[in-house]
């Protein structure tokens, strides 16, 4: 038991040492990488696409929640009618339908909350990228254009 514990601790120490060594090799390459305006523009396009898709997903979830609410109302109506008539089988079916619709609505509402958070994060990231792109293009010299080559085409 003690040997296994010692072996495990040494394996953990080796894993940490390997990770630290690898991070020392790759850290200068990562920290020296400066985003170019082309990379920032590409990131902005991806963020705009993500924002559009997320907004569509939110609308889809809103429609699903509305449908769940209608289903819940219908199930409660069936349940009331069954109770008035004393039909136990219809009451059970109404309760099951209401329970399933409530579960579905809960899942859709939770998914909507996650989608709204994702939309907010995309908005924040988009604002950051736009700000960074504005600084990068303002600081960089204007691109050189080869007028002779353009006139030949």
N, C-alpha and C. Protein backbone atom coordinates (compact mmCIF):
# COMPACT_ATOMS: atom_id res chain seq x y z
N UNK A 1 0.83 -1.19 0.00
CA UNK A 1 0.00 0.00 0.00
C UNK A 1 0.87 1.25 0.00
N UNK A 2 1.89 1.25 0.85
CA UNK A 2 2.77 2.39 0.96
C UNK A 2 3.59 2.58 -0.31
N UNK A 3 4.01 1.47 -0.94
CA UNK A 3 4.79 1.54 -2.17
C UNK A 3 3.94 2.13 -3.30
N UNK A 4 2.68 1.74 -3.36
CA UNK A 4 1.79 2.26 -4.39
C UNK A 4 1.59 3.76 -4.22
N UNK A 5 1.42 4.18 -3.00
CA UNK A 5 1.23 5.61 -2.73
C UNK A 5 2.49 6.40 -3.10
N UNK A 6 3.65 5.87 -2.78
CA UNK A 6 4.92 6.54 -3.12
C UNK A 6 5.09 6.59 -4.63
N UNK A 7 4.80 5.49 -5.31
CA UNK A 7 4.92 5.45 -6.77
C UNK A 7 3.98 6.47 -7.41
N UNK A 8 2.76 6.55 -6.89
CA UNK A 8 1.79 7.50 -7.42
C UNK A 8 2.27 8.94 -7.24
N UNK A 9 2.82 9.23 -6.07
CA UNK A 9 3.28 10.60 -5.82
C UNK A 9 4.45 10.95 -6.74
N UNK A 10 5.38 9.98 -6.98
CA UNK A 10 6.48 10.26 -7.89
C UNK A 10 5.99 10.45 -9.32
N UNK A 11 4.99 9.68 -9.72
CA UNK A 11 4.43 9.84 -11.06
C UNK A 11 3.80 11.22 -11.20
N UNK A 12 3.14 11.69 -10.15
CA UNK A 12 2.53 13.02 -10.17
C UNK A 12 3.60 14.09 -10.28
N UNK A 13 4.68 13.93 -9.53
CA UNK A 13 5.77 14.91 -9.58
C UNK A 13 6.39 14.93 -10.97
N UNK A 14 6.61 13.77 -11.56
CA UNK A 14 7.16 13.72 -12.92
C UNK A 14 6.23 14.40 -13.92
N UNK A 15 4.94 14.17 -13.79
CA UNK A 15 3.99 14.79 -14.71
C UNK A 15 4.04 16.31 -14.59
N UNK A 16 4.13 16.82 -13.37
CA UNK A 16 4.20 18.27 -13.17
C UNK A 16 5.49 18.82 -13.77
N UNK A 17 6.60 18.12 -13.58
CA UNK A 17 7.89 18.58 -14.12
C UNK A 17 7.84 18.60 -15.64
N UNK A 18 7.26 17.58 -16.25
CA UNK A 18 7.15 17.54 -17.71
C UNK A 18 6.29 18.71 -18.20
N UNK A 19 5.18 18.96 -17.54
CA UNK A 19 4.30 20.07 -17.96
C UNK A 19 5.01 21.41 -17.83
N UNK A 20 5.74 21.62 -16.74
CA UNK A 20 6.48 22.87 -16.56
C UNK A 20 7.57 23.03 -17.61
N UNK A 21 8.25 21.95 -17.92
CA UNK A 21 9.30 22.00 -18.94
C UNK A 21 8.72 22.35 -20.30
N UNK A 22 7.62 21.71 -20.66
CA UNK A 22 6.98 22.01 -21.94
C UNK A 22 6.48 23.45 -21.99
N UNK A 23 5.95 23.93 -20.87
CA UNK A 23 5.47 25.30 -20.86
C UNK A 23 6.62 26.29 -21.02
N UNK A 24 7.81 25.96 -20.48
CA UNK A 24 8.96 26.85 -20.66
C UNK A 24 9.42 26.90 -22.11
N UNK A 25 9.28 25.78 -22.83
CA UNK A 25 9.66 25.77 -24.24
C UNK A 25 8.68 26.55 -25.11
N UNK A 26 7.40 26.42 -24.81
CA UNK A 26 6.39 27.01 -25.68
C UNK A 26 5.94 28.40 -25.25
N UNK A 27 6.21 28.81 -24.05
CA UNK A 27 5.75 30.11 -23.56
C UNK A 27 6.30 31.28 -24.38
N UNK A 28 7.60 31.31 -24.73
CA UNK A 28 8.09 32.45 -25.52
C UNK A 28 7.39 32.56 -26.88
N UNK A 29 7.10 31.44 -27.50
CA UNK A 29 6.44 31.48 -28.81
C UNK A 29 5.03 32.02 -28.70
N UNK A 30 4.33 31.65 -27.62
CA UNK A 30 2.96 32.10 -27.45
C UNK A 30 2.92 33.57 -27.06
N UNK A 31 3.82 33.99 -26.16
CA UNK A 31 3.78 35.37 -25.70
C UNK A 31 4.26 36.34 -26.77
N UNK A 32 5.12 35.87 -27.70
CA UNK A 32 5.63 36.75 -28.73
C UNK A 32 4.65 36.92 -29.89
N UNK A 33 3.66 36.08 -29.97
CA UNK A 33 2.70 36.14 -31.06
C UNK A 33 1.79 37.34 -30.86
N UNK A 34 1.87 38.28 -31.75
CA UNK A 34 1.04 39.48 -31.72
C UNK A 34 -0.07 39.31 -32.75
N UNK A 35 -1.29 39.57 -32.37
CA UNK A 35 -2.38 39.40 -33.35
C UNK A 35 -2.28 40.45 -34.45
N UNK A 36 -2.41 40.00 -35.66
CA UNK A 36 -2.38 40.90 -36.80
C UNK A 36 -3.79 41.37 -37.10
N UNK A 37 -3.92 42.44 -37.86
CA UNK A 37 -5.28 42.88 -38.22
C UNK A 37 -6.08 41.81 -38.96
N UNK A 38 -5.39 40.97 -39.74
CA UNK A 38 -6.10 39.90 -40.45
C UNK A 38 -6.66 38.88 -39.46
N UNK A 39 -5.86 38.52 -38.45
CA UNK A 39 -6.34 37.58 -37.44
C UNK A 39 -7.50 38.18 -36.64
N UNK A 40 -7.39 39.46 -36.32
CA UNK A 40 -8.46 40.12 -35.58
C UNK A 40 -9.73 40.20 -36.40
N UNK A 41 -9.59 40.47 -37.70
CA UNK A 41 -10.77 40.52 -38.57
C UNK A 41 -11.42 39.14 -38.68
N UNK A 42 -10.60 38.10 -38.75
CA UNK A 42 -11.14 36.74 -38.79
C UNK A 42 -11.86 36.39 -37.50
N UNK A 43 -11.28 36.80 -36.38
CA UNK A 43 -11.93 36.55 -35.08
C UNK A 43 -13.24 37.31 -35.00
N UNK A 44 -13.25 38.52 -35.54
CA UNK A 44 -14.48 39.33 -35.52
C UNK A 44 -15.57 38.66 -36.35
N UNK A 45 -15.20 38.12 -37.50
CA UNK A 45 -16.18 37.41 -38.34
C UNK A 45 -16.75 36.20 -37.61
N UNK A 46 -15.88 35.44 -36.94
CA UNK A 46 -16.35 34.26 -36.20
C UNK A 46 -17.26 34.67 -35.05
N UNK A 47 -16.93 35.75 -34.38
CA UNK A 47 -17.77 36.22 -33.27
C UNK A 47 -19.12 36.71 -33.77
N UNK A 48 -19.13 37.39 -34.91
CA UNK A 48 -20.41 37.84 -35.48
C UNK A 48 -21.28 36.65 -35.87
N UNK A 49 -20.65 35.60 -36.43
CA UNK A 49 -21.39 34.40 -36.79
C UNK A 49 -21.94 33.73 -35.53
N UNK A 50 -21.12 33.65 -34.50
CA UNK A 50 -21.56 33.04 -33.24
C UNK A 50 -22.72 33.84 -32.64
N UNK A 51 -22.63 35.15 -32.72
CA UNK A 51 -23.69 36.00 -32.18
C UNK A 51 -25.00 35.78 -32.93
N UNK A 52 -24.93 35.70 -34.24
CA UNK A 52 -26.13 35.48 -35.06
C UNK A 52 -26.75 34.11 -34.76
N UNK A 53 -25.91 33.08 -34.68
CA UNK A 53 -26.41 31.74 -34.39
C UNK A 53 -27.04 31.67 -33.00
N UNK A 54 -26.42 32.33 -32.04
CA UNK A 54 -26.94 32.31 -30.67
C UNK A 54 -28.27 33.05 -30.59
N UNK A 55 -28.39 34.17 -31.30
CA UNK A 55 -29.66 34.91 -31.31
C UNK A 55 -30.77 34.04 -31.91
N UNK A 56 -30.45 33.31 -32.97
CA UNK A 56 -31.42 32.39 -33.56
C UNK A 56 -31.80 31.27 -32.61
N UNK A 57 -30.82 30.77 -31.87
CA UNK A 57 -31.09 29.72 -30.89
C UNK A 57 -32.00 30.23 -29.77
N UNK A 58 -31.79 31.48 -29.35
CA UNK A 58 -32.63 32.07 -28.30
C UNK A 58 -34.07 32.19 -28.79
N UNK A 59 -34.26 32.62 -30.03
CA UNK A 59 -35.61 32.72 -30.59
C UNK A 59 -36.27 31.34 -30.66
N UNK A 60 -35.50 30.34 -31.06
CA UNK A 60 -36.02 28.97 -31.13
C UNK A 60 -36.45 28.48 -29.74
N UNK A 61 -35.63 28.77 -28.75
CA UNK A 61 -35.96 28.35 -27.38
C UNK A 61 -37.17 29.11 -26.85
N UNK A 62 -37.31 30.38 -27.21
CA UNK A 62 -38.50 31.14 -26.80
C UNK A 62 -39.77 30.52 -27.37
N UNK A 63 -39.71 30.11 -28.64
CA UNK A 63 -40.88 29.45 -29.25
C UNK A 63 -41.17 28.12 -28.57
N UNK A 64 -40.12 27.39 -28.22
CA UNK A 64 -40.31 26.10 -27.53
C UNK A 64 -40.92 26.30 -26.15
N UNK A 65 -40.50 27.35 -25.45
CA UNK A 65 -41.06 27.64 -24.13
C UNK A 65 -42.53 28.02 -24.25
N UNK A 66 -42.88 28.80 -25.27
CA UNK A 66 -44.29 29.15 -25.49
C UNK A 66 -45.11 27.89 -25.77
N UNK A 67 -44.57 26.98 -26.57
CA UNK A 67 -45.26 25.72 -26.86
C UNK A 67 -45.43 24.90 -25.59
N UNK A 68 -44.40 24.87 -24.75
CA UNK A 68 -44.50 24.16 -23.47
C UNK A 68 -45.60 24.75 -22.60
N UNK A 69 -45.70 26.08 -22.57
CA UNK A 69 -46.74 26.73 -21.78
C UNK A 69 -48.14 26.37 -22.30
N UNK A 70 -48.30 26.30 -23.62
CA UNK A 70 -49.59 25.91 -24.19
C UNK A 70 -49.92 24.46 -23.83
N UNK A 71 -48.91 23.60 -23.89
CA UNK A 71 -49.11 22.19 -23.55
C UNK A 71 -49.49 22.04 -22.07
N UNK A 72 -48.84 22.81 -21.21
CA UNK A 72 -49.15 22.77 -19.78
C UNK A 72 -50.60 23.19 -19.55
N UNK A 73 -51.02 24.26 -20.23
CA UNK A 73 -52.39 24.74 -20.08
C UNK A 73 -53.39 23.69 -20.54
N UNK A 74 -53.11 23.03 -21.67
CA UNK A 74 -54.00 21.98 -22.17
C UNK A 74 -54.06 20.80 -21.21
N UNK A 75 -52.89 20.43 -20.66
CA UNK A 75 -52.85 19.30 -19.73
C UNK A 75 -53.63 19.62 -18.46
N UNK A 76 -53.52 20.84 -17.97
CA UNK A 76 -54.27 21.24 -16.78
C UNK A 76 -55.77 21.26 -17.06
N UNK A 77 -56.14 21.66 -18.27
CA UNK A 77 -57.55 21.64 -18.66
C UNK A 77 -58.08 20.21 -18.68
N UNK A 78 -57.31 19.30 -19.26
CA UNK A 78 -57.69 17.87 -19.28
C UNK A 78 -57.81 17.36 -17.85
N UNK A 79 -56.88 17.74 -17.01
CA UNK A 79 -56.88 17.30 -15.62
C UNK A 79 -58.13 17.79 -14.88
N UNK A 80 -58.50 19.06 -15.09
CA UNK A 80 -59.71 19.60 -14.45
C UNK A 80 -60.97 18.87 -14.93
N UNK A 81 -61.04 18.65 -16.24
CA UNK A 81 -62.21 17.96 -16.78
C UNK A 81 -62.29 16.52 -16.26
N UNK A 82 -61.15 15.87 -16.16
CA UNK A 82 -61.14 14.48 -15.68
C UNK A 82 -61.55 14.42 -14.21
N UNK A 83 -61.09 15.39 -13.43
CA UNK A 83 -61.46 15.42 -12.02
C UNK A 83 -62.95 15.68 -11.86
N UNK A 84 -63.49 16.55 -12.72
CA UNK A 84 -64.92 16.85 -12.66
C UNK A 84 -65.76 15.61 -13.01
N UNK A 85 -65.28 14.80 -13.94
CA UNK A 85 -66.02 13.60 -14.35
C UNK A 85 -65.66 12.38 -13.50
N UNK A 86 -64.58 12.50 -12.72
CA UNK A 86 -64.17 11.37 -11.89
C UNK A 86 -63.45 10.29 -12.67
N UNK A 87 -62.82 10.65 -13.76
CA UNK A 87 -62.11 9.69 -14.61
C UNK A 87 -60.64 9.60 -14.15
N UNK A 88 -60.30 8.54 -13.44
CA UNK A 88 -58.96 8.40 -12.87
C UNK A 88 -57.89 8.22 -13.95
N UNK A 89 -58.23 7.48 -15.01
CA UNK A 89 -57.26 7.24 -16.09
C UNK A 89 -56.91 8.56 -16.80
N UNK A 90 -57.91 9.38 -17.07
CA UNK A 90 -57.66 10.67 -17.72
C UNK A 90 -56.87 11.60 -16.80
N UNK A 91 -57.13 11.51 -15.49
CA UNK A 91 -56.36 12.32 -14.53
C UNK A 91 -54.89 11.94 -14.57
N UNK A 92 -54.61 10.64 -14.60
CA UNK A 92 -53.23 10.18 -14.65
C UNK A 92 -52.54 10.65 -15.93
N UNK A 93 -53.25 10.55 -17.05
CA UNK A 93 -52.69 11.00 -18.33
C UNK A 93 -52.44 12.50 -18.30
N UNK A 94 -53.37 13.26 -17.75
CA UNK A 94 -53.20 14.71 -17.65
C UNK A 94 -52.02 15.09 -16.76
N UNK A 95 -51.87 14.38 -15.64
CA UNK A 95 -50.73 14.66 -14.74
C UNK A 95 -49.40 14.34 -15.43
N UNK A 96 -49.36 13.20 -16.13
CA UNK A 96 -48.14 12.82 -16.85
C UNK A 96 -47.78 13.85 -17.92
N UNK A 97 -48.78 14.27 -18.68
CA UNK A 97 -48.54 15.27 -19.73
C UNK A 97 -48.06 16.58 -19.13
N UNK A 98 -48.69 17.01 -18.03
CA UNK A 98 -48.28 18.26 -17.38
C UNK A 98 -46.86 18.13 -16.84
N UNK A 99 -46.55 17.00 -16.24
CA UNK A 99 -45.21 16.78 -15.68
C UNK A 99 -44.14 16.82 -16.77
N UNK A 100 -44.41 16.15 -17.88
CA UNK A 100 -43.44 16.15 -18.99
C UNK A 100 -43.27 17.55 -19.59
N UNK A 101 -44.37 18.28 -19.72
CA UNK A 101 -44.29 19.64 -20.27
C UNK A 101 -43.55 20.57 -19.32
N UNK A 102 -43.76 20.40 -18.01
CA UNK A 102 -43.03 21.22 -17.04
C UNK A 102 -41.53 20.92 -17.09
N UNK A 103 -41.17 19.63 -17.22
CA UNK A 103 -39.76 19.26 -17.33
C UNK A 103 -39.13 19.86 -18.59
N UNK A 104 -39.86 19.76 -19.70
CA UNK A 104 -39.35 20.29 -20.96
C UNK A 104 -39.19 21.81 -20.88
N UNK A 105 -40.15 22.48 -20.26
CA UNK A 105 -40.04 23.93 -20.12
C UNK A 105 -38.84 24.30 -19.26
N UNK A 106 -38.62 23.55 -18.18
CA UNK A 106 -37.46 23.81 -17.33
C UNK A 106 -36.15 23.66 -18.09
N UNK A 107 -36.06 22.60 -18.89
CA UNK A 107 -34.84 22.39 -19.68
C UNK A 107 -34.66 23.50 -20.72
N UNK A 108 -35.75 23.90 -21.37
CA UNK A 108 -35.66 24.97 -22.36
C UNK A 108 -35.29 26.30 -21.72
N UNK A 109 -35.83 26.58 -20.54
CA UNK A 109 -35.48 27.82 -19.85
C UNK A 109 -34.01 27.82 -19.43
N UNK A 110 -33.51 26.67 -18.97
CA UNK A 110 -32.10 26.58 -18.60
C UNK A 110 -31.21 26.75 -19.83
N UNK A 111 -31.60 26.15 -20.95
CA UNK A 111 -30.83 26.29 -22.19
C UNK A 111 -30.86 27.74 -22.67
N UNK A 112 -31.98 28.42 -22.47
CA UNK A 112 -32.09 29.82 -22.87
C UNK A 112 -31.15 30.70 -22.03
N UNK A 113 -31.07 30.42 -20.75
CA UNK A 113 -30.18 31.18 -19.87
C UNK A 113 -28.73 31.01 -20.33
N UNK A 114 -28.36 29.78 -20.67
CA UNK A 114 -27.00 29.52 -21.14
C UNK A 114 -26.75 30.25 -22.46
N UNK A 115 -27.73 30.24 -23.35
CA UNK A 115 -27.58 30.91 -24.64
C UNK A 115 -27.46 32.43 -24.46
N UNK A 116 -28.22 32.99 -23.52
CA UNK A 116 -28.13 34.43 -23.27
C UNK A 116 -26.74 34.78 -22.74
N UNK A 117 -26.21 33.96 -21.85
CA UNK A 117 -24.85 34.19 -21.34
C UNK A 117 -23.83 34.10 -22.46
N UNK A 118 -24.00 33.12 -23.36
CA UNK A 118 -23.09 32.98 -24.49
C UNK A 118 -23.18 34.21 -25.40
N UNK A 119 -24.38 34.74 -25.59
CA UNK A 119 -24.55 35.94 -26.39
C UNK A 119 -23.86 37.14 -25.74
N UNK A 120 -23.97 37.26 -24.43
CA UNK A 120 -23.30 38.35 -23.73
C UNK A 120 -21.78 38.23 -23.84
N UNK A 121 -21.27 37.02 -23.69
CA UNK A 121 -19.82 36.82 -23.83
C UNK A 121 -19.36 37.14 -25.24
N UNK A 122 -20.15 36.77 -26.23
CA UNK A 122 -19.80 37.08 -27.61
C UNK A 122 -19.80 38.58 -27.84
N UNK A 123 -20.78 39.28 -27.26
CA UNK A 123 -20.81 40.74 -27.38
C UNK A 123 -19.58 41.38 -26.74
N UNK A 124 -19.22 40.90 -25.55
CA UNK A 124 -18.04 41.43 -24.87
C UNK A 124 -16.77 41.16 -25.67
N UNK A 125 -16.64 39.96 -26.18
CA UNK A 125 -15.46 39.60 -26.97
C UNK A 125 -15.42 40.40 -28.26
N UNK A 126 -16.57 40.61 -28.87
CA UNK A 126 -16.64 41.39 -30.10
C UNK A 126 -16.21 42.83 -29.85
N UNK A 127 -16.67 43.41 -28.74
CA UNK A 127 -16.26 44.77 -28.40
C UNK A 127 -14.76 44.85 -28.18
N UNK A 128 -14.19 43.84 -27.53
CA UNK A 128 -12.75 43.82 -27.29
C UNK A 128 -11.98 43.71 -28.60
N UNK A 129 -12.43 42.82 -29.48
CA UNK A 129 -11.75 42.64 -30.76
C UNK A 129 -11.86 43.90 -31.61
N UNK A 130 -13.03 44.53 -31.63
CA UNK A 130 -13.19 45.77 -32.40
C UNK A 130 -12.26 46.86 -31.88
N UNK A 131 -12.17 46.96 -30.55
CA UNK A 131 -11.30 47.96 -29.94
C UNK A 131 -9.84 47.67 -30.30
N UNK A 132 -9.45 46.42 -30.20
CA UNK A 132 -8.07 46.04 -30.51
C UNK A 132 -7.77 46.25 -31.99
N UNK A 133 -8.73 45.95 -32.85
CA UNK A 133 -8.54 46.14 -34.28
C UNK A 133 -8.41 47.61 -34.61
N UNK A 134 -9.19 48.45 -33.94
CA UNK A 134 -9.09 49.90 -34.17
C UNK A 134 -7.71 50.40 -33.75
N UNK A 135 -7.19 49.90 -32.63
CA UNK A 135 -5.86 50.33 -32.19
C UNK A 135 -4.78 49.82 -33.13
N UNK A 136 -4.91 48.57 -33.59
CA UNK A 136 -3.90 48.00 -34.49
C UNK A 136 -3.86 48.76 -35.81
N UNK A 137 -5.00 49.08 -36.37
CA UNK A 137 -5.02 49.76 -37.66
C UNK A 137 -4.61 51.22 -37.52
N UNK A 138 -4.88 51.82 -36.36
CA UNK A 138 -4.47 53.22 -36.15
C UNK A 138 -2.96 53.32 -35.95
N UNK A 139 -2.37 52.32 -35.33
CA UNK A 139 -0.93 52.35 -35.05
C UNK A 139 -0.08 51.92 -36.23
N UNK A 140 -0.62 51.10 -37.09
CA UNK A 140 0.18 50.57 -38.19
C UNK A 140 0.22 51.56 -39.35
N UNK A 141 1.31 51.54 -40.10
CA UNK A 141 1.39 52.42 -41.27
C UNK A 141 0.43 51.93 -42.35
N UNK A 142 0.00 52.81 -43.21
CA UNK A 142 -0.93 52.39 -44.27
C UNK A 142 -0.25 51.37 -45.18
N UNK A 143 -1.00 50.43 -45.71
CA UNK A 143 -0.39 49.40 -46.56
C UNK A 143 0.12 50.01 -47.87
N UNK A 144 1.21 49.44 -48.34
CA UNK A 144 1.78 49.90 -49.62
C UNK A 144 1.04 49.20 -50.75
N UNK A 145 0.66 49.98 -51.72
CA UNK A 145 -0.08 49.44 -52.86
C UNK A 145 0.78 49.59 -54.10
N UNK A 146 0.92 48.54 -54.85
CA UNK A 146 1.67 48.56 -56.08
C UNK A 146 0.71 49.00 -57.19
N UNK A 147 0.78 50.27 -57.51
CA UNK A 147 -0.17 50.84 -58.49
C UNK A 147 0.08 50.29 -59.89
N UNK A 148 1.34 50.05 -60.23
CA UNK A 148 1.65 49.53 -61.57
C UNK A 148 1.02 48.16 -61.78
N UNK A 149 1.11 47.31 -60.77
CA UNK A 149 0.54 45.97 -60.90
C UNK A 149 -0.98 46.05 -61.00
N UNK A 150 -1.60 46.95 -60.29
CA UNK A 150 -3.06 47.09 -60.37
C UNK A 150 -3.50 47.64 -61.71
N UNK A 151 -2.72 48.54 -62.28
CA UNK A 151 -3.08 49.11 -63.58
C UNK A 151 -2.94 48.09 -64.70
N UNK A 152 -2.02 47.16 -64.56
CA UNK A 152 -1.84 46.14 -65.58
C UNK A 152 -3.02 45.19 -65.65
N UNK A 153 -3.69 44.98 -64.55
CA UNK A 153 -4.85 44.06 -64.54
C UNK A 153 -6.01 44.77 -65.06
